[in-house]
Amino acid sequence: MTAPAAHNARLVRRLVGVVVLMGALAWAAVPFYSWFCRVTGFAGTPQVATASPDAGDVLDETVRIRFDANVMPNLGWTFRPVQREMTLRIGETGLAFYEAINTTGETLTGTASYNVSPDAAGYFFDKIECFCFTEQTLAPGERVEMPLTFFVDPAIVADRDAGRIRDITISYTFFRSEPTKSAEAKLDGAAPPAVN
């Protein structure tokens, strides 16, 4: 191989390597960003808890939680919080409900994402039970109430950035999604496929 041809071949290999590396980094960016937000509460991402704080950890200070609901136009649902706000003691467990109604003549599946504002409160807003990122499939005219069980971590009062926050908004947005095979089987009345 001549010197110019060898040089061109090396250049092509390097360019292909750069393209592959950039593709891999782009593919990994979404799961990494999601993990980063869950761990740090960045961008108002709430934390996930398995249990409420002990009764002795509940503070006398209160926080007002506001509930917001949005639905993308292509979903054809109405979606709203059953209650607009509630006031809880910091560390106390709250239970709120959201309502979704399929206002179309077809069965539709939606998935909700969420956000907490102000952003600094996201690290201290702990969800115990939530309908977010779980498929909801509604038949025409079907109505469902979905629970949200949560608390605000008492550690918020000692945080430099979030210590003065006493008003928190949790906002959900429903997006149209394609049902998974198990959801389609449920709609058809068949048992979902076995998982090995």
N, C-alpha and C. Protein backbone atom coordinates (compact mmCIF):
# COMPACT_ATOMS: atom_id res chain seq x y z
N MET A 1 0.85 -1.18 0.00
CA MET A 1 0.00 0.00 0.00
C MET A 1 0.89 1.23 0.00
N THR A 2 0.57 2.20 -0.81
CA THR A 2 1.37 3.41 -0.91
C THR A 2 1.15 4.27 0.32
N ALA A 3 2.07 5.18 0.54
CA ALA A 3 2.00 6.04 1.72
C ALA A 3 0.71 6.84 1.78
N PRO A 4 0.25 7.51 0.66
CA PRO A 4 -1.00 8.26 0.72
C PRO A 4 -2.20 7.35 1.01
N ALA A 5 -2.19 6.13 0.43
CA ALA A 5 -3.31 5.20 0.65
C ALA A 5 -3.34 4.75 2.11
N ALA A 6 -2.16 4.48 2.68
CA ALA A 6 -2.09 4.06 4.09
C ALA A 6 -2.56 5.20 4.99
N HIS A 7 -2.15 6.41 4.66
CA HIS A 7 -2.58 7.58 5.44
C HIS A 7 -4.10 7.73 5.38
N ASN A 8 -4.68 7.58 4.18
CA ASN A 8 -6.14 7.70 4.01
C ASN A 8 -6.87 6.61 4.78
N ALA A 9 -6.33 5.39 4.79
CA ALA A 9 -6.97 4.28 5.51
C ALA A 9 -6.97 4.55 7.01
N ARG A 10 -5.85 5.07 7.53
CA ARG A 10 -5.78 5.42 8.97
C ARG A 10 -6.78 6.52 9.29
N LEU A 11 -6.88 7.50 8.42
CA LEU A 11 -7.81 8.60 8.62
C LEU A 11 -9.26 8.10 8.64
N VAL A 12 -9.58 7.20 7.73
CA VAL A 12 -10.94 6.64 7.69
C VAL A 12 -11.23 5.86 8.96
N ARG A 13 -10.27 5.04 9.42
CA ARG A 13 -10.46 4.27 10.66
C ARG A 13 -10.68 5.21 11.85
N ARG A 14 -9.91 6.27 11.92
CA ARG A 14 -10.08 7.23 13.02
C ARG A 14 -11.45 7.91 12.97
N LEU A 15 -11.87 8.30 11.78
CA LEU A 15 -13.19 8.94 11.64
C LEU A 15 -14.32 7.98 12.00
N VAL A 16 -14.20 6.72 11.59
CA VAL A 16 -15.21 5.72 11.95
C VAL A 16 -15.20 5.53 13.47
N GLY A 17 -14.03 5.50 14.06
CA GLY A 17 -13.93 5.37 15.52
C GLY A 17 -14.60 6.54 16.24
N VAL A 18 -14.40 7.76 15.72
CA VAL A 18 -15.03 8.94 16.32
C VAL A 18 -16.55 8.85 16.21
N VAL A 19 -17.06 8.42 15.05
CA VAL A 19 -18.50 8.29 14.84
C VAL A 19 -19.08 7.25 15.80
N VAL A 20 -18.41 6.10 15.94
CA VAL A 20 -18.87 5.05 16.85
C VAL A 20 -18.85 5.55 18.30
N LEU A 21 -17.79 6.22 18.69
CA LEU A 21 -17.69 6.77 20.05
C LEU A 21 -18.80 7.79 20.32
N MET A 22 -19.04 8.68 19.38
CA MET A 22 -20.09 9.69 19.56
C MET A 22 -21.47 9.04 19.65
N GLY A 23 -21.71 8.00 18.84
CA GLY A 23 -22.97 7.27 18.91
C GLY A 23 -23.15 6.59 20.26
N ALA A 24 -22.10 5.97 20.76
CA ALA A 24 -22.17 5.31 22.07
C ALA A 24 -22.43 6.32 23.19
N LEU A 25 -21.76 7.46 23.13
CA LEU A 25 -21.97 8.49 24.15
C LEU A 25 -23.39 9.04 24.08
N ALA A 26 -23.92 9.23 22.88
CA ALA A 26 -25.30 9.73 22.74
C ALA A 26 -26.28 8.70 23.29
N TRP A 27 -26.05 7.42 23.01
CA TRP A 27 -26.93 6.36 23.50
C TRP A 27 -26.89 6.30 25.03
N ALA A 28 -25.74 6.47 25.63
CA ALA A 28 -25.59 6.36 27.08
C ALA A 28 -26.04 7.62 27.82
N ALA A 29 -26.19 8.72 27.11
CA ALA A 29 -26.51 9.99 27.78
C ALA A 29 -27.87 9.96 28.47
N VAL A 30 -28.89 9.38 27.85
CA VAL A 30 -30.22 9.38 28.44
C VAL A 30 -30.28 8.57 29.73
N PRO A 31 -29.85 7.29 29.74
CA PRO A 31 -29.89 6.56 31.02
C PRO A 31 -28.98 7.17 32.08
N PHE A 32 -27.83 7.69 31.67
CA PHE A 32 -26.93 8.30 32.65
C PHE A 32 -27.57 9.55 33.26
N TYR A 33 -28.17 10.39 32.42
CA TYR A 33 -28.83 11.61 32.91
C TYR A 33 -29.99 11.25 33.84
N SER A 34 -30.77 10.24 33.46
CA SER A 34 -31.88 9.80 34.31
C SER A 34 -31.37 9.33 35.67
N TRP A 35 -30.32 8.51 35.67
CA TRP A 35 -29.72 8.04 36.92
C TRP A 35 -29.20 9.21 37.74
N PHE A 36 -28.49 10.13 37.11
CA PHE A 36 -27.93 11.29 37.80
C PHE A 36 -29.04 12.12 38.47
N CYS A 37 -30.14 12.34 37.75
CA CYS A 37 -31.24 13.13 38.31
C CYS A 37 -31.89 12.42 39.49
N ARG A 38 -32.06 11.09 39.38
CA ARG A 38 -32.68 10.34 40.49
C ARG A 38 -31.80 10.39 41.73
N VAL A 39 -30.50 10.27 41.55
CA VAL A 39 -29.59 10.23 42.69
C VAL A 39 -29.43 11.60 43.35
N THR A 40 -29.38 12.64 42.55
CA THR A 40 -29.08 13.97 43.09
C THR A 40 -30.29 14.87 43.27
N GLY A 41 -31.43 14.51 42.67
CA GLY A 41 -32.59 15.40 42.71
C GLY A 41 -32.45 16.55 41.72
N PHE A 42 -31.47 16.47 40.84
CA PHE A 42 -31.22 17.53 39.86
C PHE A 42 -32.45 17.73 38.99
N ALA A 43 -32.71 18.98 38.62
CA ALA A 43 -33.83 19.36 37.76
C ALA A 43 -35.18 19.00 38.37
N GLY A 44 -35.24 19.01 39.70
CA GLY A 44 -36.51 18.78 40.37
C GLY A 44 -36.97 17.34 40.35
N THR A 45 -36.04 16.39 40.18
CA THR A 45 -36.42 14.99 40.15
C THR A 45 -36.63 14.48 41.57
N PRO A 46 -37.85 14.02 41.90
CA PRO A 46 -38.11 13.51 43.25
C PRO A 46 -37.35 12.22 43.53
N GLN A 47 -37.21 11.92 44.79
CA GLN A 47 -36.57 10.69 45.22
C GLN A 47 -37.64 9.62 45.40
N VAL A 48 -37.24 8.37 45.44
CA VAL A 48 -38.16 7.26 45.67
C VAL A 48 -37.82 6.65 47.02
N ALA A 49 -38.85 6.50 47.86
CA ALA A 49 -38.67 5.94 49.19
C ALA A 49 -39.51 4.68 49.32
N THR A 50 -39.14 3.82 50.24
CA THR A 50 -39.92 2.60 50.48
C THR A 50 -40.82 2.73 51.70
N ALA A 51 -40.54 3.71 52.56
CA ALA A 51 -41.34 3.89 53.77
C ALA A 51 -41.30 5.35 54.21
N SER A 52 -42.27 5.71 55.03
CA SER A 52 -42.34 7.07 55.59
C SER A 52 -41.32 7.22 56.70
N PRO A 53 -40.99 8.47 57.05
CA PRO A 53 -40.10 8.67 58.21
C PRO A 53 -40.81 8.22 59.49
N ASP A 54 -40.04 7.92 60.52
CA ASP A 54 -40.61 7.59 61.83
C ASP A 54 -41.39 8.79 62.36
N ALA A 55 -42.40 8.51 63.19
CA ALA A 55 -43.24 9.58 63.74
C ALA A 55 -42.41 10.62 64.48
N GLY A 56 -41.32 10.21 65.11
CA GLY A 56 -40.47 11.14 65.83
C GLY A 56 -39.70 12.09 64.93
N ASP A 57 -39.62 11.76 63.65
CA ASP A 57 -38.90 12.60 62.69
C ASP A 57 -39.78 13.66 62.05
N VAL A 58 -41.09 13.61 62.27
CA VAL A 58 -42.02 14.58 61.70
C VAL A 58 -41.86 15.90 62.45
N LEU A 59 -41.69 16.99 61.70
CA LEU A 59 -41.44 18.29 62.30
C LEU A 59 -42.73 19.07 62.51
N ASP A 60 -42.67 20.11 63.34
CA ASP A 60 -43.83 20.98 63.53
C ASP A 60 -43.97 21.99 62.40
N GLU A 61 -42.95 22.14 61.59
CA GLU A 61 -43.02 23.07 60.46
C GLU A 61 -43.84 22.45 59.33
N THR A 62 -44.56 23.29 58.61
CA THR A 62 -45.41 22.78 57.53
C THR A 62 -44.87 23.20 56.16
N VAL A 63 -45.35 22.49 55.16
CA VAL A 63 -45.02 22.78 53.78
C VAL A 63 -46.31 22.62 52.97
N ARG A 64 -46.52 23.52 52.01
CA ARG A 64 -47.69 23.43 51.15
C ARG A 64 -47.28 22.77 49.85
N ILE A 65 -48.03 21.73 49.48
CA ILE A 65 -47.77 21.00 48.23
C ILE A 65 -48.88 21.36 47.26
N ARG A 66 -48.49 21.81 46.09
CA ARG A 66 -49.45 22.11 45.02
C ARG A 66 -49.34 21.00 43.97
N PHE A 67 -50.48 20.66 43.38
CA PHE A 67 -50.54 19.59 42.39
C PHE A 67 -50.94 20.17 41.05
N ASP A 68 -50.16 19.82 40.02
CA ASP A 68 -50.39 20.34 38.68
C ASP A 68 -50.52 19.16 37.72
N ALA A 69 -51.36 19.31 36.69
CA ALA A 69 -51.56 18.23 35.72
C ALA A 69 -51.59 18.80 34.31
N ASN A 70 -50.93 18.10 33.40
CA ASN A 70 -50.88 18.48 31.99
C ASN A 70 -51.06 17.21 31.16
N VAL A 71 -51.62 17.36 29.97
CA VAL A 71 -51.76 16.22 29.07
C VAL A 71 -51.43 16.70 27.66
N MET A 72 -50.67 15.90 26.94
CA MET A 72 -50.33 16.25 25.58
C MET A 72 -51.58 16.16 24.69
N PRO A 73 -51.73 17.07 23.73
CA PRO A 73 -52.96 17.12 22.92
C PRO A 73 -53.28 15.83 22.16
N ASN A 74 -52.28 15.05 21.77
CA ASN A 74 -52.55 13.85 20.98
C ASN A 74 -53.05 12.67 21.81
N LEU A 75 -53.18 12.84 23.14
CA LEU A 75 -53.63 11.74 23.99
C LEU A 75 -55.15 11.65 24.07
N GLY A 76 -55.86 12.78 24.05
CA GLY A 76 -57.31 12.72 24.08
C GLY A 76 -57.89 12.40 25.44
N TRP A 77 -57.17 12.74 26.50
CA TRP A 77 -57.65 12.53 27.87
C TRP A 77 -57.84 13.88 28.55
N THR A 78 -58.68 13.89 29.58
CA THR A 78 -58.62 14.99 30.54
C THR A 78 -57.87 14.42 31.74
N PHE A 79 -57.07 15.25 32.36
CA PHE A 79 -56.20 14.82 33.45
C PHE A 79 -56.12 15.96 34.43
N ARG A 80 -56.42 15.69 35.71
CA ARG A 80 -56.42 16.76 36.70
C ARG A 80 -56.12 16.19 38.08
N PRO A 81 -55.60 17.04 38.98
CA PRO A 81 -55.47 16.61 40.37
C PRO A 81 -56.84 16.66 41.03
N VAL A 82 -57.15 15.69 41.87
CA VAL A 82 -58.43 15.70 42.59
C VAL A 82 -58.43 16.84 43.60
N GLN A 83 -57.29 17.11 44.22
CA GLN A 83 -57.14 18.25 45.11
C GLN A 83 -56.04 19.14 44.54
N ARG A 84 -56.19 20.44 44.65
CA ARG A 84 -55.21 21.37 44.07
C ARG A 84 -53.99 21.55 44.95
N GLU A 85 -54.16 21.44 46.27
CA GLU A 85 -53.03 21.61 47.19
C GLU A 85 -53.36 20.99 48.52
N MET A 86 -52.33 20.76 49.31
CA MET A 86 -52.49 20.31 50.70
C MET A 86 -51.31 20.81 51.51
N THR A 87 -51.57 21.00 52.80
CA THR A 87 -50.53 21.43 53.72
C THR A 87 -50.25 20.28 54.67
N LEU A 88 -48.97 19.92 54.79
CA LEU A 88 -48.53 18.82 55.64
C LEU A 88 -47.39 19.29 56.53
N ARG A 89 -47.22 18.58 57.64
CA ARG A 89 -46.01 18.81 58.42
C ARG A 89 -44.85 18.16 57.67
N ILE A 90 -43.69 18.74 57.77
CA ILE A 90 -42.51 18.20 57.10
C ILE A 90 -42.19 16.84 57.70
N GLY A 91 -42.13 15.82 56.85
CA GLY A 91 -41.91 14.44 57.28
C GLY A 91 -43.20 13.64 57.35
N GLU A 92 -44.35 14.29 57.33
CA GLU A 92 -45.64 13.61 57.39
C GLU A 92 -45.96 13.03 56.00
N THR A 93 -46.59 11.85 55.99
CA THR A 93 -46.94 11.22 54.73
C THR A 93 -48.24 11.80 54.19
N GLY A 94 -48.23 12.14 52.91
CA GLY A 94 -49.41 12.66 52.25
C GLY A 94 -49.92 11.68 51.21
N LEU A 95 -51.23 11.73 50.97
CA LEU A 95 -51.85 10.90 49.94
C LEU A 95 -52.70 11.81 49.07
N ALA A 96 -52.39 11.87 47.79
CA ALA A 96 -53.13 12.70 46.85
C ALA A 96 -53.56 11.82 45.69
N PHE A 97 -54.57 12.28 44.95
CA PHE A 97 -55.06 11.53 43.81
C PHE A 97 -55.13 12.42 42.58
N TYR A 98 -54.86 11.82 41.44
CA TYR A 98 -55.05 12.44 40.14
C TYR A 98 -56.10 11.64 39.39
N GLU A 99 -56.89 12.33 38.57
CA GLU A 99 -57.95 11.69 37.80
C GLU A 99 -57.65 11.81 36.31
N ALA A 100 -57.83 10.71 35.59
CA ALA A 100 -57.70 10.72 34.13
C ALA A 100 -58.97 10.14 33.54
N ILE A 101 -59.45 10.75 32.45
CA ILE A 101 -60.63 10.28 31.74
C ILE A 101 -60.30 10.25 30.25
N ASN A 102 -60.58 9.11 29.63
CA ASN A 102 -60.41 8.99 28.18
C ASN A 102 -61.66 9.57 27.53
N THR A 103 -61.53 10.69 26.86
CA THR A 103 -62.68 11.38 26.26
C THR A 103 -62.85 11.04 24.78
N THR A 104 -62.12 10.04 24.30
CA THR A 104 -62.20 9.66 22.89
C THR A 104 -63.03 8.39 22.73
N GLY A 105 -63.21 7.97 21.51
CA GLY A 105 -63.93 6.75 21.21
C GLY A 105 -63.01 5.56 20.99
N GLU A 106 -61.72 5.69 21.36
CA GLU A 106 -60.78 4.59 21.18
C GLU A 106 -60.00 4.34 22.45
N THR A 107 -59.52 3.13 22.61
CA THR A 107 -58.69 2.78 23.76
C THR A 107 -57.31 3.39 23.56
N LEU A 108 -56.84 4.11 24.59
CA LEU A 108 -55.55 4.80 24.49
C LEU A 108 -54.69 4.48 25.70
N THR A 109 -53.39 4.47 25.47
CA THR A 109 -52.42 4.24 26.53
C THR A 109 -51.58 5.49 26.72
N GLY A 110 -51.37 5.86 27.98
CA GLY A 110 -50.54 7.02 28.29
C GLY A 110 -49.55 6.69 29.39
N THR A 111 -48.49 7.46 29.43
CA THR A 111 -47.46 7.34 30.46
C THR A 111 -47.16 8.74 30.97
N ALA A 112 -47.05 8.88 32.29
CA ALA A 112 -46.83 10.19 32.89
C ALA A 112 -45.37 10.37 33.31
N SER A 113 -44.87 11.57 33.09
CA SER A 113 -43.59 11.98 33.65
C SER A 113 -43.89 13.07 34.69
N TYR A 114 -42.92 13.42 35.48
CA TYR A 114 -43.16 14.36 36.58
C TYR A 114 -41.97 15.27 36.78
N ASN A 115 -42.22 16.32 37.56
CA ASN A 115 -41.17 17.24 37.93
C ASN A 115 -41.60 17.94 39.21
N VAL A 116 -40.64 18.34 40.00
CA VAL A 116 -40.90 19.08 41.22
C VAL A 116 -40.24 20.44 41.10
N SER A 117 -40.97 21.48 41.51
CA SER A 117 -40.35 22.81 41.55
C SER A 117 -40.67 23.46 42.89
N PRO A 118 -39.76 24.27 43.39
CA PRO A 118 -38.46 24.61 42.81
C PRO A 118 -37.53 23.39 42.75
N ASP A 119 -36.57 23.48 41.84
CA ASP A 119 -35.66 22.35 41.61
C ASP A 119 -34.98 21.86 42.88
N ALA A 120 -34.59 22.77 43.76
CA ALA A 120 -33.87 22.39 44.97
C ALA A 120 -34.70 21.50 45.88
N ALA A 121 -36.02 21.52 45.74
CA ALA A 121 -36.89 20.69 46.58
C ALA A 121 -36.95 19.25 46.08
N GLY A 122 -36.56 19.01 44.84
CA GLY A 122 -36.65 17.68 44.25
C GLY A 122 -35.92 16.62 45.06
N TYR A 123 -34.79 16.94 45.60
CA TYR A 123 -34.00 15.97 46.37
C TYR A 123 -34.71 15.58 47.67
N PHE A 124 -35.62 16.41 48.15
CA PHE A 124 -36.28 16.17 49.44
C PHE A 124 -37.73 15.72 49.29
N PHE A 125 -38.24 15.68 48.08
CA PHE A 125 -39.61 15.22 47.84
C PHE A 125 -39.54 13.73 47.55
N ASP A 126 -39.98 12.90 48.48
CA ASP A 126 -39.86 11.45 48.37
C ASP A 126 -41.20 10.82 48.03
N LYS A 127 -41.25 10.06 46.94
CA LYS A 127 -42.44 9.34 46.54
C LYS A 127 -42.37 7.92 47.07
N ILE A 128 -43.45 7.47 47.71
CA ILE A 128 -43.53 6.08 48.16
C ILE A 128 -44.30 5.26 47.12
N GLU A 129 -45.39 5.83 46.62
CA GLU A 129 -46.18 5.19 45.57
C GLU A 129 -46.55 6.25 44.55
N CYS A 130 -46.44 5.89 43.26
CA CYS A 130 -46.68 6.87 42.22
C CYS A 130 -47.06 6.15 40.93
N PHE A 131 -47.83 6.81 40.10
CA PHE A 131 -48.24 6.26 38.81
C PHE A 131 -47.31 6.67 37.68
N CYS A 132 -46.27 7.42 37.98
CA CYS A 132 -45.37 7.91 36.94
C CYS A 132 -44.61 6.76 36.28
N PHE A 133 -44.38 6.91 35.00
CA PHE A 133 -43.66 5.95 34.17
C PHE A 133 -44.30 4.57 34.13
N THR A 134 -45.58 4.48 34.54
CA THR A 134 -46.33 3.24 34.48
C THR A 134 -47.43 3.42 33.44
N GLU A 135 -47.55 2.50 32.52
CA GLU A 135 -48.58 2.61 31.49
C GLU A 135 -49.97 2.62 32.12
N GLN A 136 -50.80 3.52 31.63
CA GLN A 136 -52.21 3.56 31.99
C GLN A 136 -52.99 3.41 30.69
N THR A 137 -53.77 2.36 30.58
CA THR A 137 -54.57 2.13 29.38
C THR A 137 -56.04 2.30 29.73
N LEU A 138 -56.70 3.23 29.04
CA LEU A 138 -58.10 3.54 29.32
C LEU A 138 -58.95 3.26 28.10
N ALA A 139 -60.07 2.58 28.33
CA ALA A 139 -61.05 2.33 27.28
C ALA A 139 -61.82 3.63 27.03
N PRO A 140 -62.56 3.71 25.94
CA PRO A 140 -63.35 4.92 25.66
C PRO A 140 -64.27 5.27 26.84
N GLY A 141 -64.17 6.51 27.31
CA GLY A 141 -64.99 6.98 28.42
C GLY A 141 -64.56 6.52 29.79
N GLU A 142 -63.53 5.69 29.89
CA GLU A 142 -63.10 5.16 31.19
C GLU A 142 -62.45 6.26 32.03
N ARG A 143 -62.71 6.20 33.34
CA ARG A 143 -62.16 7.14 34.32
C ARG A 143 -61.37 6.37 35.35
N VAL A 144 -60.23 6.90 35.75
CA VAL A 144 -59.42 6.24 36.77
C VAL A 144 -58.84 7.29 37.71
N GLU A 145 -58.75 6.93 39.01
CA GLU A 145 -58.04 7.77 39.98
C GLU A 145 -56.73 7.08 40.32
N MET A 146 -55.65 7.85 40.30
CA MET A 146 -54.32 7.31 40.52
C MET A 146 -53.70 7.96 41.75
N PRO A 147 -53.21 7.14 42.71
CA PRO A 147 -52.68 7.69 43.96
C PRO A 147 -51.22 8.13 43.85
N LEU A 148 -50.90 9.09 44.68
CA LEU A 148 -49.53 9.55 44.89
C LEU A 148 -49.33 9.60 46.40
N THR A 149 -48.45 8.76 46.92
CA THR A 149 -48.11 8.76 48.35
C THR A 149 -46.71 9.31 48.47
N PHE A 150 -46.50 10.28 49.35
CA PHE A 150 -45.24 11.02 49.38
C PHE A 150 -45.01 11.63 50.76
N PHE A 151 -43.81 12.15 50.94
CA PHE A 151 -43.48 12.99 52.10
C PHE A 151 -42.33 13.90 51.71
N VAL A 152 -42.17 14.97 52.48
CA VAL A 152 -41.03 15.87 52.31
C VAL A 152 -40.03 15.52 53.41
N ASP A 153 -38.83 15.15 53.00
CA ASP A 153 -37.79 14.71 53.93
C ASP A 153 -37.47 15.83 54.93
N PRO A 154 -37.48 15.51 56.23
CA PRO A 154 -37.15 16.52 57.24
C PRO A 154 -35.76 17.15 57.07
N ALA A 155 -34.87 16.49 56.34
CA ALA A 155 -33.53 17.04 56.11
C ALA A 155 -33.58 18.33 55.30
N ILE A 156 -34.73 18.64 54.71
CA ILE A 156 -34.84 19.86 53.90
C ILE A 156 -34.55 21.11 54.73
N VAL A 157 -34.93 21.10 56.01
CA VAL A 157 -34.78 22.32 56.83
C VAL A 157 -33.31 22.67 57.08
N ALA A 158 -32.43 21.68 57.00
CA ALA A 158 -31.01 21.93 57.24
C ALA A 158 -30.23 22.21 55.96
N ASP A 159 -30.88 22.09 54.82
CA ASP A 159 -30.18 22.28 53.55
C ASP A 159 -29.98 23.76 53.26
N ARG A 160 -28.79 24.11 52.80
CA ARG A 160 -28.45 25.50 52.51
C ARG A 160 -29.32 26.09 51.41
N ASP A 161 -29.60 25.31 50.35
CA ASP A 161 -30.36 25.82 49.23
C ASP A 161 -31.87 25.67 49.39
N ALA A 162 -32.31 24.58 50.02
CA ALA A 162 -33.74 24.28 50.09
C ALA A 162 -34.35 24.57 51.46
N GLY A 163 -33.55 24.96 52.42
CA GLY A 163 -34.01 25.11 53.80
C GLY A 163 -35.18 26.05 54.01
N ARG A 164 -35.35 27.04 53.15
CA ARG A 164 -36.45 28.01 53.32
C ARG A 164 -37.67 27.69 52.45
N ILE A 165 -37.59 26.66 51.66
CA ILE A 165 -38.71 26.32 50.77
C ILE A 165 -39.87 25.77 51.59
N ARG A 166 -41.03 26.40 51.43
CA ARG A 166 -42.24 25.93 52.12
C ARG A 166 -43.41 25.79 51.15
N ASP A 167 -43.17 26.03 49.86
CA ASP A 167 -44.16 25.81 48.81
C ASP A 167 -43.51 24.96 47.73
N ILE A 168 -44.08 23.79 47.47
CA ILE A 168 -43.54 22.86 46.48
C ILE A 168 -44.66 22.50 45.51
N THR A 169 -44.34 22.45 44.22
CA THR A 169 -45.30 22.03 43.21
C THR A 169 -44.81 20.76 42.56
N ILE A 170 -45.68 19.75 42.53
CA ILE A 170 -45.37 18.54 41.76
C ILE A 170 -46.27 18.55 40.54
N SER A 171 -45.64 18.41 39.39
CA SER A 171 -46.34 18.54 38.11
C SER A 171 -46.18 17.25 37.31
N TYR A 172 -47.31 16.73 36.83
CA TYR A 172 -47.31 15.53 35.99
C TYR A 172 -47.76 15.89 34.60
N THR A 173 -47.17 15.26 33.60
CA THR A 173 -47.59 15.40 32.21
C THR A 173 -47.78 14.02 31.63
N PHE A 174 -48.99 13.77 31.08
CA PHE A 174 -49.27 12.49 30.43
C PHE A 174 -48.97 12.59 28.94
N PHE A 175 -48.24 11.59 28.44
CA PHE A 175 -47.89 11.47 27.03
C PHE A 175 -48.53 10.21 26.46
N ARG A 176 -48.92 10.27 25.21
CA ARG A 176 -49.45 9.07 24.55
C ARG A 176 -48.30 8.10 24.34
N SER A 177 -48.57 6.82 24.56
CA SER A 177 -47.55 5.80 24.34
C SER A 177 -48.20 4.57 23.72
N GLU A 178 -47.39 3.72 23.14
CA GLU A 178 -47.88 2.48 22.56
C GLU A 178 -47.93 1.44 23.67
N PRO A 179 -49.03 0.69 23.79
CA PRO A 179 -49.12 -0.31 24.85
C PRO A 179 -48.11 -1.43 24.64
N THR A 180 -47.60 -1.95 25.75
CA THR A 180 -46.71 -3.10 25.68
C THR A 180 -47.54 -4.34 25.39
N LYS A 181 -46.88 -5.45 25.10
CA LYS A 181 -47.60 -6.68 24.78
C LYS A 181 -48.47 -7.15 25.94
N SER A 182 -48.02 -6.98 27.18
CA SER A 182 -48.83 -7.42 28.33
C SER A 182 -50.09 -6.56 28.45
N ALA A 183 -49.99 -5.26 28.14
CA ALA A 183 -51.16 -4.39 28.19
C ALA A 183 -52.13 -4.74 27.07
N GLU A 184 -51.60 -5.06 25.88
CA GLU A 184 -52.46 -5.45 24.77
C GLU A 184 -53.18 -6.75 25.07
N ALA A 185 -52.48 -7.71 25.70
CA ALA A 185 -53.10 -8.98 26.05
C ALA A 185 -54.21 -8.77 27.07
N LYS A 186 -53.98 -7.88 28.02
CA LYS A 186 -54.98 -7.58 29.04
C LYS A 186 -56.23 -6.99 28.38
N LEU A 187 -56.04 -6.10 27.41
CA LEU A 187 -57.16 -5.49 26.71
C LEU A 187 -57.93 -6.51 25.91
N ASP A 188 -57.24 -7.50 25.35
CA ASP A 188 -57.89 -8.52 24.53
C ASP A 188 -58.53 -9.61 25.39
N GLY A 189 -58.31 -9.55 26.71
CA GLY A 189 -58.89 -10.54 27.60
C GLY A 189 -58.05 -11.80 27.71
N ALA A 190 -56.90 -11.80 27.09
CA ALA A 190 -56.02 -12.97 27.16
C ALA A 190 -55.04 -12.79 28.29
N ALA A 191 -54.51 -13.90 28.74
CA ALA A 191 -53.48 -13.83 29.78
C ALA A 191 -52.21 -13.29 29.18
N PRO A 192 -51.45 -12.49 29.94
CA PRO A 192 -50.18 -12.00 29.40
C PRO A 192 -49.22 -13.15 29.17
N PRO A 193 -48.30 -12.99 28.22
CA PRO A 193 -47.36 -14.07 27.93
C PRO A 193 -46.50 -14.38 29.14
N ALA A 194 -46.14 -15.65 29.27
CA ALA A 194 -45.31 -16.07 30.40
C ALA A 194 -43.91 -15.51 30.23
N VAL A 195 -43.30 -15.17 31.36
CA VAL A 195 -41.95 -14.64 31.36
C VAL A 195 -41.04 -15.70 31.93
N ASN A 196 -39.98 -16.03 31.21
CA ASN A 196 -39.03 -17.06 31.69
C ASN A 196 -37.96 -16.43 32.52
